[in-house]
Structure formats: C-alpha cells, structure tokens
Amino acid sequence: MIDLNIQPPWNWPESHWQGLVDQARAGRAYRPAQWHEGKRCAVAFSFDCDHETNELNDGGKSIARMSWGQYGSRVGVPRILEILARNDVPATFFIPAVSGLLHKEEPRRIVSEGHEVGLHGWIHERNSVLSYETERELMLRSADTLEYLTGTRPVGIRTPSWDFSAHTLRIEQELDLRYDSSLMADEDCYELISYGQETGIVELPVEWIRDDVPYFLMHQPSGSRPHVPPSDVFEIFRSEFDAAYDAGAVFQLTMHPHVIAARSRIWILEELIRHAKAKGDCWFATHAEVAAFAKAHAA
C-alpha cells in the first residue's frame, strides 16, 4: 500500500487529489439581478476583532503584542462604531469568543447599535491543526459564548486566518450556520458544495486584496514590515468597489480594528462610505443580510 504522506504530489492517484479538491467547492452563483429595494450594488464591511488573541492563539505571552490587541478594543472599535453611526451604515464584526470575554461590553454595544456579530473561533486558533472533535467543540463553545454576550446567536462564520480544515464545512452544517466568509472561489456569493453535495451554506467570499493586513501589518518576530501608504490602499479599495459597482455585484471588505483604526488610516473607511453613497444606489448591509438576499434572489 502506498503511503501518500511521503509521496510527492505528482505521484498521488487521481482519487486522492480529486478528493482534496472536492472538500469545499463553489456551486451555484448567487448574484441577484438587483439588490435590496432595487439597489445596484451591495456594500458589506466587516471587522475582525482579534484583539489579544492575535498573540494568545499560538501560546504567545508577549505583553507588548497583547497591548496592541487591546488598542483594537480600547481605541479601534469605538472609533469605527462612531464612523458607522455617523453615516448610518451597518457592518459585521467577527469576534473570537476570548476577545468577547475579555471585552464583554464590546459585542453587546456592537449588537445594540444594529450591527452583526459573527463567529471567528474561540481564541483565533488554526482549524487545520485540530481534530474534528476539538474544532467542533470550540465552534459550538464560541457560538454559545457570543449568544450569551449579545443575546443573539451567530448565523455566520469567518474562520480565524481564513484557515479551513477538512472538517470545517461539515461542522458549519451541523451548527446550522447560514453563511461562511472565509473562502475565495469567486467575487459573488455562491453555494458551498462538499464532495458534490449541496450544503445550503452561502459563501460570501473574501480576498487578500480587500483586506487591510497585507498592506499594513508589521510583524516584528518575522521581520515583516510592509507599509503601503494609506492613500494607495484607499485607491486599491476604491478600485475594487468601482468594479463591483459597475458589475452590479457585492463589494466585501475585511478590516481589523487594531490595523485600520490608526489616525492616519481610519479616514479610508469614511471616504469609502462617502464614495459609495455618492453613487446613490448602494445597499449597505451586514454579511448575514447580503448572504440571505443573494441566495433568495439569485438570477
């Protein structure tokens, strides 16, 4: 019997590589002919509130990095919420359960101001290194915790670091989640397919181009120090929005409070809102709202 664990990929039998590919695939596309109330484009802002779990997830103990995480809650989230309130724009906040427990008033305030809270792991763990039993228990524990904190049970998930295991989609089905926002097979919403079977779960896809981290995140231990001028990042995000608007599609954006909320960067969010509102026919909605509408009204 061939041990596939030590075989190079070019020696894998077709059944093996086909099985790997078939674990989670894009099925039918979900793009409505028009969006809610006849709007041309859907705008879905999201914020991953990793906070201190960015350090804790791999067993880290750096006080400096945990203080950086605290900035995300202490400064970033309030600053973001003020902008959203001022512009009457809803958004989705994906929160690791440990972040929620460290800052209990944060998820409560987010929901009280009309925004959505979604799952983002227990302590921002990496799903792909977990057993099915552990991943399922953590996802269930996270859903219970966020429901306890907010009074509302999450209906969607963004896996930590967009890390998707062989068990993730099965567990999402078992927890009766309605959507996922971790994968990248399209720019429009689509149904997730597992081994050729429909799951009923909508994917609202992400993309590194539409994420603030690759442009700004400095990681001292690795020596990675990217810094793209905020004006350049705004131009990239605006170009992504303009293309989505022209296509009558959805513009989804991923941001992190400890990254985007810096004084020199936070204007990007408000300027994007201003730019989209100037079009006159954009629907600003949570990820749950966009996913549900796309599925119900797909052309």
C-alpha atoms as a PDB file:
ATOM      1  CA  MET A   1       0.000   0.000   0.000  1.00  0.00           C
ATOM      2  CA  ILE A   2       1.344   3.428  -0.987  1.00  0.00           C
ATOM      3  CA  ASP A   3       1.895   5.847   1.902  1.00  0.00           C
ATOM      4  CA  LEU A   4       0.535   9.077   0.429  1.00  0.00           C
ATOM      5  CA  ASN A   5       2.008  11.102   3.292  1.00  0.00           C
ATOM      6  CA  ILE A   6       5.511  10.585   1.931  1.00  0.00           C
ATOM      7  CA  GLN A   7       4.678  10.631  -1.778  1.00  0.00           C
ATOM      8  CA  PRO A   8       5.290  13.799  -3.824  1.00  0.00           C
ATOM      9  CA  PRO A   9       2.052  15.260  -5.248  1.00  0.00           C
ATOM     10  CA  TRP A  10       2.888  14.177  -8.804  1.00  0.00           C
ATOM     11  CA  ASN A  11       2.697  10.557  -7.626  1.00  0.00           C
ATOM     12  CA  TRP A  12      -0.730  10.910  -5.999  1.00  0.00           C
ATOM     13  CA  PRO A  13      -3.501   8.854  -7.622  1.00  0.00           C
ATOM     14  CA  GLU A  14      -6.339  10.818  -9.167  1.00  0.00           C
ATOM     15  CA  SER A  15      -8.750   9.753  -6.435  1.00  0.00           C
ATOM     16  CA  HIS A  16      -6.527  11.406  -3.820  1.00  0.00           C
ATOM     17  CA  TRP A  17      -6.030  14.813  -5.401  1.00  0.00           C
ATOM     18  CA  GLN A  18      -9.629  14.862  -6.611  1.00  0.00           C
ATOM     19  CA  GLY A  19     -10.783  14.154  -3.063  1.00  0.00           C
ATOM     20  CA  LEU A  20      -8.716  17.025  -1.697  1.00  0.00           C
ATOM     21  CA  VAL A  21     -10.186  19.414  -4.248  1.00  0.00           C
ATOM     22  CA  ASP A  22     -13.763  18.263  -3.646  1.00  0.00           C
ATOM     23  CA  GLN A  23     -13.845  19.008   0.076  1.00  0.00           C
ATOM     24  CA  ALA A  24     -15.267  22.517  -0.367  1.00  0.00           C
ATOM     25  CA  ARG A  25     -16.105  23.853  -3.818  1.00  0.00           C
ATOM     26  CA  ALA A  26     -18.090  26.684  -5.337  1.00  0.00           C
ATOM     27  CA  GLY A  27     -21.506  25.620  -6.564  1.00  0.00           C
ATOM     28  CA  ARG A  28     -24.267  27.768  -7.991  1.00  0.00           C
ATOM     29  CA  ALA A  29     -23.608  31.507  -8.162  1.00  0.00           C
ATOM     30  CA  TYR A  30     -25.767  33.832  -6.110  1.00  0.00           C
ATOM     31  CA  ARG A  31     -25.870  37.224  -7.836  1.00  0.00           C
ATOM     32  CA  PRO A  32     -29.258  38.958  -7.862  1.00  0.00           C
ATOM     33  CA  ALA A  33     -30.325  40.975 -10.896  1.00  0.00           C
ATOM     34  CA  GLN A  34     -30.649  43.845  -8.439  1.00  0.00           C
ATOM     35  CA  TRP A  35     -30.145  44.238  -4.727  1.00  0.00           C
ATOM     36  CA  HIS A  36     -32.472  45.246  -1.896  1.00  0.00           C
ATOM     37  CA  GLU A  37     -35.030  47.876  -2.965  1.00  0.00           C
ATOM     38  CA  GLY A  38     -33.580  47.927  -6.472  1.00  0.00           C
ATOM     39  CA  LYS A  39     -30.076  48.988  -5.446  1.00  0.00           C
ATOM     40  CA  ARG A  40     -27.289  48.349  -7.946  1.00  0.00           C
ATOM     41  CA  CYS A  41     -24.519  47.282  -5.550  1.00  0.00           C
ATOM     42  CA  ALA A  42     -24.286  45.715  -2.086  1.00  0.00           C
ATOM     43  CA  VAL A  43     -21.604  47.010   0.299  1.00  0.00           C
ATOM     44  CA  ALA A  44     -20.574  44.650   3.107  1.00  0.00           C
ATOM     45  CA  PHE A  45     -17.996  45.974   5.566  1.00  0.00           C
ATOM     46  CA  SER A  46     -16.503  43.580   8.107  1.00  0.00           C
ATOM     47  CA  PHE A  47     -14.146  43.925  11.049  1.00  0.00           C
ATOM     48  CA  ASP A  48     -12.217  41.020  12.580  1.00  0.00           C
ATOM     49  CA  CYS A  49     -11.876  41.837  16.285  1.00  0.00           C
ATOM     50  CA  ASP A  50      -8.888  39.601  17.007  1.00  0.00           C
ATOM     51  CA  HIS A  51      -7.507  41.857  19.754  1.00  0.00           C
ATOM     52  CA  GLU A  52      -5.290  39.961  22.229  1.00  0.00           C
ATOM     53  CA  THR A  53      -5.964  36.599  20.568  1.00  0.00           C
ATOM     54  CA  ASN A  54      -3.508  37.513  17.826  1.00  0.00           C
ATOM     55  CA  GLU A  55      -0.839  36.769  20.438  1.00  0.00           C
ATOM     56  CA  LEU A  56      -2.620  34.165  22.557  1.00  0.00           C
ATOM     57  CA  ASN A  57      -3.640  31.844  19.708  1.00  0.00           C
ATOM     58  CA  ASP A  58      -0.220  30.205  19.297  1.00  0.00           C
ATOM     59  CA  GLY A  59       0.591  30.266  23.008  1.00  0.00           C
ATOM     60  CA  GLY A  60       2.295  33.666  22.865  1.00  0.00           C
ATOM     61  CA  LYS A  61       2.857  35.692  26.030  1.00  0.00           C
ATOM     62  CA  SER A  62       4.182  38.989  24.682  1.00  0.00           C
ATOM     63  CA  ILE A  63       2.797  41.822  26.784  1.00  0.00           C
ATOM     64  CA  ALA A  64       3.645  44.293  24.030  1.00  0.00           C
ATOM     65  CA  ARG A  65       1.651  42.425  21.404  1.00  0.00           C
ATOM     66  CA  MET A  66      -1.261  41.943  23.768  1.00  0.00           C
ATOM     67  CA  SER A  67      -1.303  45.691  24.405  1.00  0.00           C
ATOM     68  CA  TRP A  68      -1.503  46.186  20.637  1.00  0.00           C
ATOM     69  CA  GLY A  69      -4.508  43.909  20.676  1.00  0.00           C
ATOM     70  CA  GLN A  70      -6.059  45.940  23.465  1.00  0.00           C
ATOM     71  CA  TYR A  71      -5.722  49.020  21.258  1.00  0.00           C
ATOM     72  CA  GLY A  72      -8.109  47.324  18.840  1.00  0.00           C
ATOM     73  CA  SER A  73     -10.811  47.223  21.506  1.00  0.00           C
ATOM     74  CA  ARG A  74      -9.926  50.342  23.503  1.00  0.00           C
ATOM     75  CA  VAL A  75      -9.473  52.698  20.512  1.00  0.00           C
ATOM     76  CA  GLY A  76     -10.253  50.890  17.277  1.00  0.00           C
ATOM     77  CA  VAL A  77     -13.765  49.545  17.755  1.00  0.00           C
ATOM     78  CA  PRO A  78     -15.166  52.758  19.336  1.00  0.00           C
ATOM     79  CA  ARG A  79     -13.625  54.813  16.532  1.00  0.00           C
ATOM     80  CA  ILE A  80     -15.123  52.501  13.908  1.00  0.00           C
ATOM     81  CA  LEU A  81     -18.540  52.456  15.562  1.00  0.00           C
ATOM     82  CA  GLU A  82     -18.617  56.253  15.651  1.00  0.00           C
ATOM     83  CA  ILE A  83     -17.998  56.437  11.903  1.00  0.00           C
ATOM     84  CA  LEU A  84     -20.617  53.792  11.155  1.00  0.00           C
ATOM     85  CA  ALA A  85     -23.169  55.554  13.354  1.00  0.00           C
ATOM     86  CA  ARG A  86     -22.419  58.952  11.847  1.00  0.00           C
ATOM     87  CA  ASN A  87     -23.028  57.554   8.366  1.00  0.00           C
ATOM     88  CA  ASP A  88     -25.888  55.182   9.305  1.00  0.00           C
ATOM     89  CA  VAL A  89     -24.030  52.157   7.913  1.00  0.00           C
ATOM     90  CA  PRO A  90     -24.374  48.618   9.329  1.00  0.00           C
ATOM     91  CA  ALA A  91     -21.446  46.196   9.409  1.00  0.00           C
ATOM     92  CA  THR A  92     -20.407  42.746  10.592  1.00  0.00           C
ATOM     93  CA  PHE A  93     -17.910  42.162  13.396  1.00  0.00           C
ATOM     94  CA  PHE A  94     -16.305  38.706  13.555  1.00  0.00           C
ATOM     95  CA  ILE A  95     -15.207  38.149  17.151  1.00  0.00           C
ATOM     96  CA  PRO A  96     -13.156  35.332  18.693  1.00  0.00           C
ATOM     97  CA  ALA A  97     -15.005  34.254  21.835  1.00  0.00           C
ATOM     98  CA  VAL A  98     -11.987  35.024  24.031  1.00  0.00           C
ATOM     99  CA  SER A  99     -11.928  38.592  22.658  1.00  0.00           C
ATOM    100  CA  GLY A 100     -15.596  38.859  23.588  1.00  0.00           C
ATOM    101  CA  LEU A 101     -14.952  37.608  27.108  1.00  0.00           C
ATOM    102  CA  LEU A 102     -12.014  39.986  27.568  1.00  0.00           C
ATOM    103  CA  HIS A 103     -14.132  42.953  26.440  1.00  0.00           C
ATOM    104  CA  LYS A 104     -17.684  41.961  27.341  1.00  0.00           C
ATOM    105  CA  GLU A 105     -19.238  45.352  26.640  1.00  0.00           C
ATOM    106  CA  GLU A 106     -17.875  45.409  23.082  1.00  0.00           C
ATOM    107  CA  PRO A 107     -20.071  42.722  21.457  1.00  0.00           C
ATOM    108  CA  ARG A 108     -23.052  43.995  23.433  1.00  0.00           C
ATOM    109  CA  ARG A 109     -22.528  47.517  22.142  1.00  0.00           C
ATOM    110  CA  ILE A 110     -21.976  46.296  18.587  1.00  0.00           C
ATOM    111  CA  VAL A 111     -25.297  44.438  18.522  1.00  0.00           C
ATOM    112  CA  SER A 112     -27.149  47.228  20.347  1.00  0.00           C
ATOM    113  CA  GLU A 113     -26.092  49.646  17.599  1.00  0.00           C
ATOM    114  CA  GLY A 114     -27.594  47.455  14.881  1.00  0.00           C
ATOM    115  CA  HIS A 115     -24.550  45.533  13.683  1.00  0.00           C
ATOM    116  CA  GLU A 116     -23.964  41.808  13.305  1.00  0.00           C
ATOM    117  CA  VAL A 117     -21.617  39.657  15.387  1.00  0.00           C
ATOM    118  CA  GLY A 118     -20.259  36.535  13.685  1.00  0.00           C
ATOM    119  CA  LEU A 119     -18.103  33.603  14.757  1.00  0.00           C
ATOM    120  CA  HIS A 120     -14.320  33.882  14.494  1.00  0.00           C
ATOM    121  CA  GLY A 121     -13.045  30.957  16.515  1.00  0.00           C
ATOM    122  CA  TRP A 122     -12.511  30.539  20.249  1.00  0.00           C
ATOM    123  CA  ILE A 123      -9.014  32.030  20.626  1.00  0.00           C
ATOM    124  CA  HIS A 124      -8.234  32.602  16.933  1.00  0.00           C
ATOM    125  CA  GLU A 125      -6.965  29.033  16.685  1.00  0.00           C
ATOM    126  CA  ARG A 126      -5.935  27.401  13.422  1.00  0.00           C
ATOM    127  CA  ASN A 127      -8.646  24.947  12.391  1.00  0.00           C
ATOM    128  CA  SER A 128      -6.403  22.905  10.105  1.00  0.00           C
ATOM    129  CA  VAL A 129      -4.327  21.570  13.021  1.00  0.00           C
ATOM    130  CA  LEU A 130      -7.356  20.470  15.073  1.00  0.00           C
ATOM    131  CA  SER A 131      -9.210  17.194  15.205  1.00  0.00           C
ATOM    132  CA  TYR A 132     -12.858  17.138  14.170  1.00  0.00           C
ATOM    133  CA  GLU A 133     -13.924  16.767  17.807  1.00  0.00           C
ATOM    134  CA  THR A 134     -11.840  19.702  19.016  1.00  0.00           C
ATOM    135  CA  GLU A 135     -12.812  22.016  16.172  1.00  0.00           C
ATOM    136  CA  ARG A 136     -16.500  21.223  16.650  1.00  0.00           C
ATOM    137  CA  GLU A 137     -16.350  21.750  20.408  1.00  0.00           C
ATOM    138  CA  LEU A 138     -14.601  25.095  20.014  1.00  0.00           C
ATOM    139  CA  MET A 139     -17.038  26.300  17.358  1.00  0.00           C
ATOM    140  CA  LEU A 140     -20.014  25.304  19.498  1.00  0.00           C
ATOM    141  CA  ARG A 141     -18.465  26.867  22.601  1.00  0.00           C
ATOM    142  CA  SER A 142     -17.824  30.068  20.669  1.00  0.00           C
ATOM    143  CA  ALA A 143     -21.426  30.239  19.413  1.00  0.00           C
ATOM    144  CA  ASP A 144     -22.746  29.694  22.946  1.00  0.00           C
ATOM    145  CA  THR A 145     -20.430  32.383  24.335  1.00  0.00           C
ATOM    146  CA  LEU A 146     -21.326  35.030  21.761  1.00  0.00           C
ATOM    147  CA  GLU A 147     -25.012  34.269  22.225  1.00  0.00           C
ATOM    148  CA  TYR A 148     -24.558  34.690  25.989  1.00  0.00           C
ATOM    149  CA  LEU A 149     -22.760  38.000  25.496  1.00  0.00           C
ATOM    150  CA  THR A 150     -25.093  39.519  22.912  1.00  0.00           C
ATOM    151  CA  GLY A 151     -28.418  37.732  23.292  1.00  0.00           C
ATOM    152  CA  THR A 152     -28.264  36.764  19.618  1.00  0.00           C
ATOM    153  CA  ARG A 153     -26.884  33.515  18.226  1.00  0.00           C
ATOM    154  CA  PRO A 154     -24.442  33.994  15.326  1.00  0.00           C
ATOM    155  CA  VAL A 155     -25.616  32.755  11.927  1.00  0.00           C
ATOM    156  CA  GLY A 156     -22.302  33.134  10.097  1.00  0.00           C
ATOM    157  CA  ILE A 157     -18.612  32.476  10.485  1.00  0.00           C
ATOM    158  CA  ARG A 158     -15.243  33.678   9.318  1.00  0.00           C
ATOM    159  CA  THR A 159     -12.652  31.118  10.268  1.00  0.00           C
ATOM    160  CA  PRO A 160      -9.576  32.509  12.053  1.00  0.00           C
ATOM    161  CA  SER A 161      -6.924  33.437   9.496  1.00  0.00           C
ATOM    162  CA  TRP A 162      -9.338  32.063   6.858  1.00  0.00           C
ATOM    163  CA  ASP A 163      -7.979  28.647   7.856  1.00  0.00           C
ATOM    164  CA  PHE A 164     -10.425  25.991   6.607  1.00  0.00           C
ATOM    165  CA  SER A 165      -9.972  22.380   7.682  1.00  0.00           C
ATOM    166  CA  ALA A 166     -11.306  19.181   6.174  1.00  0.00           C
ATOM    167  CA  HIS A 167     -13.983  19.237   8.900  1.00  0.00           C
ATOM    168  CA  THR A 168     -14.973  22.915   8.892  1.00  0.00           C
ATOM    169  CA  LEU A 169     -17.787  22.763   6.363  1.00  0.00           C
ATOM    170  CA  ARG A 170     -19.311  19.671   7.970  1.00  0.00           C
ATOM    171  CA  ILE A 171     -19.307  21.394  11.364  1.00  0.00           C
ATOM    172  CA  GLU A 172     -20.858  24.538   9.906  1.00  0.00           C
ATOM    173  CA  GLN A 173     -23.711  22.387   8.625  1.00  0.00           C
ATOM    174  CA  GLU A 174     -24.087  20.647  11.973  1.00  0.00           C
ATOM    175  CA  LEU A 175     -24.327  24.024  13.723  1.00  0.00           C
ATOM    176  CA  ASP A 176     -26.917  25.160  11.153  1.00  0.00           C
ATOM    177  CA  LEU A 177     -24.924  28.198  10.091  1.00  0.00           C
ATOM    178  CA  ARG A 178     -26.328  30.130   7.144  1.00  0.00           C
ATOM    179  CA  TYR A 179     -23.153  31.552   5.639  1.00  0.00           C
ATOM    180  CA  ASP A 180     -19.380  31.436   5.657  1.00  0.00           C
ATOM    181  CA  SER A 181     -16.941  34.221   4.776  1.00  0.00           C
ATOM    182  CA  SER A 182     -13.541  32.528   4.629  1.00  0.00           C
ATOM    183  CA  LEU A 183     -13.018  31.268   1.074  1.00  0.00           C
ATOM    184  CA  MET A 184     -12.123  32.815  -2.272  1.00  0.00           C
ATOM    185  CA  ALA A 185     -13.561  30.889  -5.229  1.00  0.00           C
ATOM    186  CA  ASP A 186     -15.493  33.861  -6.646  1.00  0.00           C
ATOM    187  CA  GLU A 187     -16.249  37.550  -6.203  1.00  0.00           C
ATOM    188  CA  ASP A 188     -20.005  36.961  -5.945  1.00  0.00           C
ATOM    189  CA  CYS A 189     -21.791  34.916  -3.315  1.00  0.00           C
ATOM    190  CA  TYR A 190     -22.101  31.230  -4.076  1.00  0.00           C
ATOM    191  CA  GLU A 191     -23.313  27.980  -2.540  1.00  0.00           C
ATOM    192  CA  LEU A 192     -20.720  25.765  -0.908  1.00  0.00           C
ATOM    193  CA  ILE A 193     -20.537  22.233  -2.279  1.00  0.00           C
ATOM    194  CA  SER A 194     -18.916  19.349  -0.394  1.00  0.00           C
ATOM    195  CA  TYR A 195     -17.972  16.221  -2.358  1.00  0.00           C
ATOM    196  CA  GLY A 196     -20.558  17.126  -4.974  1.00  0.00           C
ATOM    197  CA  GLN A 197     -23.355  17.640  -2.445  1.00  0.00           C
ATOM    198  CA  GLU A 198     -25.171  20.923  -1.851  1.00  0.00           C
ATOM    199  CA  THR A 199     -24.747  22.244   1.683  1.00  0.00           C
ATOM    200  CA  GLY A 200     -27.214  25.147   1.675  1.00  0.00           C
ATOM    201  CA  ILE A 201     -24.482  27.384   3.093  1.00  0.00           C
ATOM    202  CA  VAL A 202     -23.761  30.637   1.280  1.00  0.00           C
ATOM    203  CA  GLU A 203     -20.163  31.735   0.814  1.00  0.00           C
ATOM    204  CA  LEU A 204     -19.615  35.498   0.915  1.00  0.00           C
ATOM    205  CA  PRO A 205     -16.055  35.381  -0.401  1.00  0.00           C
ATOM    206  CA  VAL A 206     -13.065  37.260   0.943  1.00  0.00           C
ATOM    207  CA  GLU A 207      -9.830  38.205  -0.828  1.00  0.00           C
ATOM    208  CA  TRP A 208      -6.424  39.391   0.380  1.00  0.00           C
ATOM    209  CA  ILE A 209      -6.696  42.356  -1.994  1.00  0.00           C
ATOM    210  CA  ARG A 210      -9.720  43.506   0.028  1.00  0.00           C
ATOM    211  CA  ASP A 211      -8.033  43.132   3.423  1.00  0.00           C
ATOM    212  CA  ASP A 212      -6.059  45.756   5.336  1.00  0.00           C
ATOM    213  CA  VAL A 213      -3.486  43.372   6.861  1.00  0.00           C
ATOM    214  CA  PRO A 214      -1.285  42.671   3.786  1.00  0.00           C
ATOM    215  CA  TYR A 215      -0.737  46.378   3.297  1.00  0.00           C
ATOM    216  CA  PHE A 216      -0.108  47.479   6.889  1.00  0.00           C
ATOM    217  CA  LEU A 217       0.676  44.669   9.323  1.00  0.00           C
ATOM    218  CA  MET A 218       4.136  44.772  10.876  1.00  0.00           C
ATOM    219  CA  HIS A 219       5.260  41.507  12.465  1.00  0.00           C
ATOM    220  CA  GLN A 220       8.449  42.048  14.431  1.00  0.00           C
ATOM    221  CA  PRO A 221       9.467  38.408  15.098  1.00  0.00           C
ATOM    222  CA  SER A 222       9.386  37.508  11.415  1.00  0.00           C
ATOM    223  CA  GLY A 223      10.949  40.765  10.280  1.00  0.00           C
ATOM    224  CA  SER A 224       7.972  41.503   8.032  1.00  0.00           C
ATOM    225  CA  ARG A 225       7.379  45.241   7.837  1.00  0.00           C
ATOM    226  CA  PRO A 226       5.070  46.076   4.948  1.00  0.00           C
ATOM    227  CA  HIS A 227       3.787  49.601   4.785  1.00  0.00           C
ATOM    228  CA  VAL A 228       1.769  50.828   1.856  1.00  0.00           C
ATOM    229  CA  PRO A 229       0.756  54.493   2.086  1.00  0.00           C
ATOM    230  CA  PRO A 230      -2.880  54.789   3.210  1.00  0.00           C
ATOM    231  CA  SER A 231      -3.700  56.804   0.096  1.00  0.00           C
ATOM    232  CA  ASP A 232      -2.543  53.874  -2.069  1.00  0.00           C
ATOM    233  CA  VAL A 233      -4.603  51.397  -0.050  1.00  0.00           C
ATOM    234  CA  PHE A 234      -7.653  53.616  -0.442  1.00  0.00           C
ATOM    235  CA  GLU A 235      -7.131  53.651  -4.205  1.00  0.00           C
ATOM    236  CA  ILE A 236      -6.984  49.844  -4.283  1.00  0.00           C
ATOM    237  CA  PHE A 237     -10.153  49.518  -2.203  1.00  0.00           C
ATOM    238  CA  ARG A 238     -11.917  52.186  -4.249  1.00  0.00           C
ATOM    239  CA  SER A 239     -10.983  50.438  -7.496  1.00  0.00           C
ATOM    240  CA  GLU A 240     -12.354  47.179  -6.114  1.00  0.00           C
ATOM    241  CA  PHE A 241     -15.590  48.932  -5.154  1.00  0.00           C
ATOM    242  CA  ASP A 242     -15.912  50.689  -8.523  1.00  0.00           C
ATOM    243  CA  ALA A 243     -15.520  47.388 -10.362  1.00  0.00           C
ATOM    244  CA  ALA A 244     -18.110  45.719  -8.123  1.00  0.00           C
ATOM    245  CA  TYR A 245     -20.486  48.637  -8.659  1.00  0.00           C
ATOM    246  CA  ASP A 246     -20.081  48.511 -12.433  1.00  0.00           C
ATOM    247  CA  ALA A 247     -20.860  44.789 -12.340  1.00  0.00           C
ATOM    248  CA  GLY A 248     -23.895  45.217 -10.082  1.00  0.00           C
ATOM    249  CA  ALA A 249     -22.221  42.906  -7.580  1.00  0.00           C
ATOM    250  CA  VAL A 250     -21.214  42.902  -3.924  1.00  0.00           C
ATOM    251  CA  PHE A 251     -18.258  44.816  -2.518  1.00  0.00           C
ATOM    252  CA  GLN A 252     -16.952  42.972   0.544  1.00  0.00           C
ATOM    253  CA  LEU A 253     -14.129  44.392   2.654  1.00  0.00           C
ATOM    254  CA  THR A 254     -12.220  42.883   5.596  1.00  0.00           C
ATOM    255  CA  MET A 255     -10.626  45.174   8.186  1.00  0.00           C
ATOM    256  CA  HIS A 256      -9.103  44.813  11.636  1.00  0.00           C
ATOM    257  CA  PRO A 257      -9.634  47.395  14.398  1.00  0.00           C
ATOM    258  CA  HIS A 258      -6.014  47.272  15.572  1.00  0.00           C
ATOM    259  CA  VAL A 259      -4.855  47.918  11.985  1.00  0.00           C
ATOM    260  CA  ILE A 260      -7.303  50.199  10.178  1.00  0.00           C
ATOM    261  CA  ALA A 261      -8.193  52.452  13.121  1.00  0.00           C
ATOM    262  CA  ALA A 262      -4.875  54.287  13.314  1.00  0.00           C
ATOM    263  CA  ARG A 263      -5.283  58.056  12.876  1.00  0.00           C
ATOM    264  CA  SER A 264      -3.517  58.039   9.535  1.00  0.00           C
ATOM    265  CA  ARG A 265      -5.683  55.192   8.177  1.00  0.00           C
ATOM    266  CA  ILE A 266      -9.193  55.410   9.594  1.00  0.00           C
ATOM    267  CA  TRP A 267     -10.176  58.034   7.015  1.00  0.00           C
ATOM    268  CA  ILE A 268     -10.094  55.220   4.434  1.00  0.00           C
ATOM    269  CA  LEU A 269     -13.288  53.775   5.902  1.00  0.00           C
ATOM    270  CA  GLU A 270     -15.208  57.029   5.955  1.00  0.00           C
ATOM    271  CA  GLU A 271     -14.030  58.037   2.491  1.00  0.00           C
ATOM    272  CA  LEU A 272     -15.114  54.675   1.074  1.00  0.00           C
ATOM    273  CA  ILE A 273     -18.541  55.192   2.620  1.00  0.00           C
ATOM    274  CA  ARG A 274     -18.726  58.688   1.154  1.00  0.00           C
ATOM    275  CA  HIS A 275     -17.638  57.435  -2.262  1.00  0.00           C
ATOM    276  CA  ALA A 276     -20.196  54.613  -2.284  1.00  0.00           C
ATOM    277  CA  LYS A 277     -23.009  56.820  -1.008  1.00  0.00           C
ATOM    278  CA  ALA A 278     -22.313  59.341  -3.747  1.00  0.00           C
ATOM    279  CA  LYS A 279     -23.413  56.695  -6.275  1.00  0.00           C
ATOM    280  CA  GLY A 280     -26.912  56.943  -4.862  1.00  0.00           C
ATOM    281  CA  ASP A 281     -27.893  53.308  -5.313  1.00  0.00           C
ATOM    282  CA  CYS A 282     -25.761  51.208  -2.964  1.00  0.00           C
ATOM    283  CA  TRP A 283     -27.205  48.954  -0.277  1.00  0.00           C
ATOM    284  CA  PHE A 284     -25.109  48.899   2.902  1.00  0.00           C
ATOM    285  CA  ALA A 285     -25.804  45.670   4.780  1.00  0.00           C
ATOM    286  CA  THR A 286     -24.402  43.087   7.154  1.00  0.00           C
ATOM    287  CA  HIS A 287     -22.854  39.907   5.815  1.00  0.00           C
ATOM    288  CA  ALA A 288     -25.875  37.923   7.020  1.00  0.00           C
ATOM    289  CA  GLU A 289     -28.241  40.233   5.148  1.00  0.00           C
ATOM    290  CA  VAL A 290     -26.212  40.121   1.935  1.00  0.00           C
ATOM    291  CA  ALA A 291     -25.859  36.333   2.028  1.00  0.00           C
ATOM    292  CA  ALA A 292     -29.580  35.804   2.677  1.00  0.00           C
ATOM    293  CA  PHE A 293     -30.678  38.231  -0.041  1.00  0.00           C
ATOM    294  CA  ALA A 294     -28.229  36.837  -2.588  1.00  0.00           C
ATOM    295  CA  LYS A 295     -29.475  33.285  -2.002  1.00  0.00           C
ATOM    296  CA  ALA A 296     -33.150  34.237  -2.097  1.00  0.00           C
ATOM    297  CA  HIS A 297     -32.963  36.454  -5.195  1.00  0.00           C
ATOM    298  CA  ALA A 298     -30.218  34.941  -7.334  1.00  0.00           C
ATOM    299  CA  ALA A 299     -30.869  35.400 -11.039  1.00  0.00           C
END
